[in-house]
C-alpha atoms as a PDB file:
ATOM      1  CA  MET A   1      88.915 161.264  60.169  1.00  0.00           C
ATOM      2  CA  ALA A   2      89.426 157.587  59.414  1.00  0.00           C
ATOM      3  CA  ALA A   3      87.604 156.615  62.602  1.00  0.00           C
ATOM      4  CA  SER A   4      84.607 158.672  61.517  1.00  0.00           C
ATOM      5  CA  GLY A   5      84.494 156.882  58.161  1.00  0.00           C
ATOM      6  CA  MET A   6      84.667 153.532  59.923  1.00  0.00           C
ATOM      7  CA  ASN A   7      81.768 154.486  62.216  1.00  0.00           C
ATOM      8  CA  GLU A   8      79.673 155.496  59.193  1.00  0.00           C
ATOM      9  CA  GLN A   9      80.423 152.182  57.471  1.00  0.00           C
ATOM     10  CA  THR A  10      79.569 150.214  60.601  1.00  0.00           C
ATOM     11  CA  SER A  11      76.359 152.195  61.091  1.00  0.00           C
ATOM     12  CA  SER A  12      75.401 151.737  57.443  1.00  0.00           C
ATOM     13  CA  LEU A  13      76.023 147.990  57.618  1.00  0.00           C
ATOM     14  CA  ARG A  14      74.018 147.716  60.849  1.00  0.00           C
ATOM     15  CA  ASN A  15      71.083 149.557  59.261  1.00  0.00           C
ATOM     16  CA  GLU A  16      71.314 147.418  56.137  1.00  0.00           C
ATOM     17  CA  LEU A  17      71.255 144.189  58.130  1.00  0.00           C
ATOM     18  CA  GLU A  18      68.707 145.293  60.753  1.00  0.00           C
ATOM     19  CA  LEU A  19      65.567 143.197  60.856  1.00  0.00           C
ATOM     20  CA  VAL A  20      62.218 144.418  62.182  1.00  0.00           C
ATOM     21  CA  THR A  21      59.146 142.625  63.478  1.00  0.00           C
ATOM     22  CA  GLU A  22      55.712 142.582  61.866  1.00  0.00           C
ATOM     23  CA  ALA A  23      54.462 145.054  64.471  1.00  0.00           C
ATOM     24  CA  GLU A  24      57.326 147.469  63.793  1.00  0.00           C
ATOM     25  CA  LEU A  25      56.849 147.243  60.030  1.00  0.00           C
ATOM     26  CA  THR A  26      53.069 147.738  60.164  1.00  0.00           C
ATOM     27  CA  LYS A  27      53.645 150.882  62.235  1.00  0.00           C
ATOM     28  CA  HIS A  28      56.337 152.104  59.811  1.00  0.00           C
ATOM     29  CA  LEU A  29      54.200 151.478  56.703  1.00  0.00           C
ATOM     30  CA  LYS A  30      50.925 152.530  58.379  1.00  0.00           C
ATOM     31  CA  VAL A  31      49.118 149.365  57.262  1.00  0.00           C
ATOM     32  CA  CYS A  32      47.265 146.761  59.280  1.00  0.00           C
ATOM     33  CA  ARG A  33      48.864 143.448  60.185  1.00  0.00           C
ATOM     34  CA  ARG A  34      46.465 141.563  57.906  1.00  0.00           C
ATOM     35  CA  GLN A  35      47.609 143.621  54.884  1.00  0.00           C
ATOM     36  CA  LEU A  36      51.244 142.909  55.665  1.00  0.00           C
ATOM     37  CA  TYR A  37      50.429 139.211  56.029  1.00  0.00           C
ATOM     38  CA  SER A  38      48.652 139.237  52.659  1.00  0.00           C
ATOM     39  CA  TRP A  39      51.622 140.854  50.914  1.00  0.00           C
ATOM     40  CA  ARG A  40      53.956 138.343  52.553  1.00  0.00           C
ATOM     41  CA  VAL A  41      52.060 135.162  51.649  1.00  0.00           C
ATOM     42  CA  ARG A  42      51.485 136.376  48.087  1.00  0.00           C
ATOM     43  CA  GLY A  43      55.217 136.912  47.692  1.00  0.00           C
ATOM     44  CA  PHE A  44      54.973 140.677  47.194  1.00  0.00           C
ATOM     45  CA  ILE A  45      57.463 141.475  49.965  1.00  0.00           C
ATOM     46  CA  PRO A  46      60.521 139.503  51.109  1.00  0.00           C
ATOM     47  CA  TYR A  47      60.873 138.254  54.670  1.00  0.00           C
ATOM     48  CA  PHE A  48      62.971 136.020  56.887  1.00  0.00           C
ATOM     49  CA  LYS A  49      61.604 133.101  58.857  1.00  0.00           C
ATOM     50  CA  ILE A  50      63.717 132.501  61.958  1.00  0.00           C
ATOM     51  CA  GLY A  51      62.167 129.625  63.857  1.00  0.00           C
ATOM     52  CA  ARG A  52      58.570 130.734  64.323  1.00  0.00           C
ATOM     53  CA  ALA A  53      59.481 134.421  64.098  1.00  0.00           C
ATOM     54  CA  VAL A  54      58.976 136.468  60.923  1.00  0.00           C
ATOM     55  CA  ARG A  55      61.330 139.387  60.324  1.00  0.00           C
ATOM     56  CA  PHE A  56      61.683 141.952  57.557  1.00  0.00           C
ATOM     57  CA  ARG A  57      64.527 144.110  56.258  1.00  0.00           C
ATOM     58  CA  VAL A  58      63.026 147.576  55.769  1.00  0.00           C
ATOM     59  CA  ALA A  59      65.213 148.358  52.741  1.00  0.00           C
ATOM     60  CA  ASP A  60      64.098 145.144  50.990  1.00  0.00           C
ATOM     61  CA  VAL A  61      60.434 145.861  51.692  1.00  0.00           C
ATOM     62  CA  ALA A  62      60.783 149.447  50.440  1.00  0.00           C
ATOM     63  CA  GLU A  63      62.374 148.161  47.227  1.00  0.00           C
ATOM     64  CA  ALA A  64      59.572 145.611  46.740  1.00  0.00           C
ATOM     65  CA  LEU A  65      56.890 148.241  47.315  1.00  0.00           C
ATOM     66  CA  GLU A  66      58.612 150.558  44.845  1.00  0.00           C
ATOM     67  CA  ARG A  67      58.356 147.818  42.193  1.00  0.00           C
ATOM     68  CA  MET A  68      54.601 147.647  42.865  1.00  0.00           C
ATOM     69  CA  ARG A  69      54.183 151.396  42.257  1.00  0.00           C
ATOM     70  CA  ILE A  70      51.983 152.342  39.304  1.00  0.00           C
ATOM     71  CA  GLU A  71      52.833 155.563  37.524  1.00  0.00           C
END
């Protein structure tokens, strides 16, 4: 049982730390690359710059988009 709990924690941590590319995120959000770029440069969504590569954490982007929601 303890091993199962450890696997869940490891899996959860991996998912939390997993970074995706612009192409992967545009597919996930069903938006064009230009829209994602616009959100990024305007500071609407957080991102990581690793050398020349841009990466996103899906959970962070989802949280940022939730803050933009109008009810």
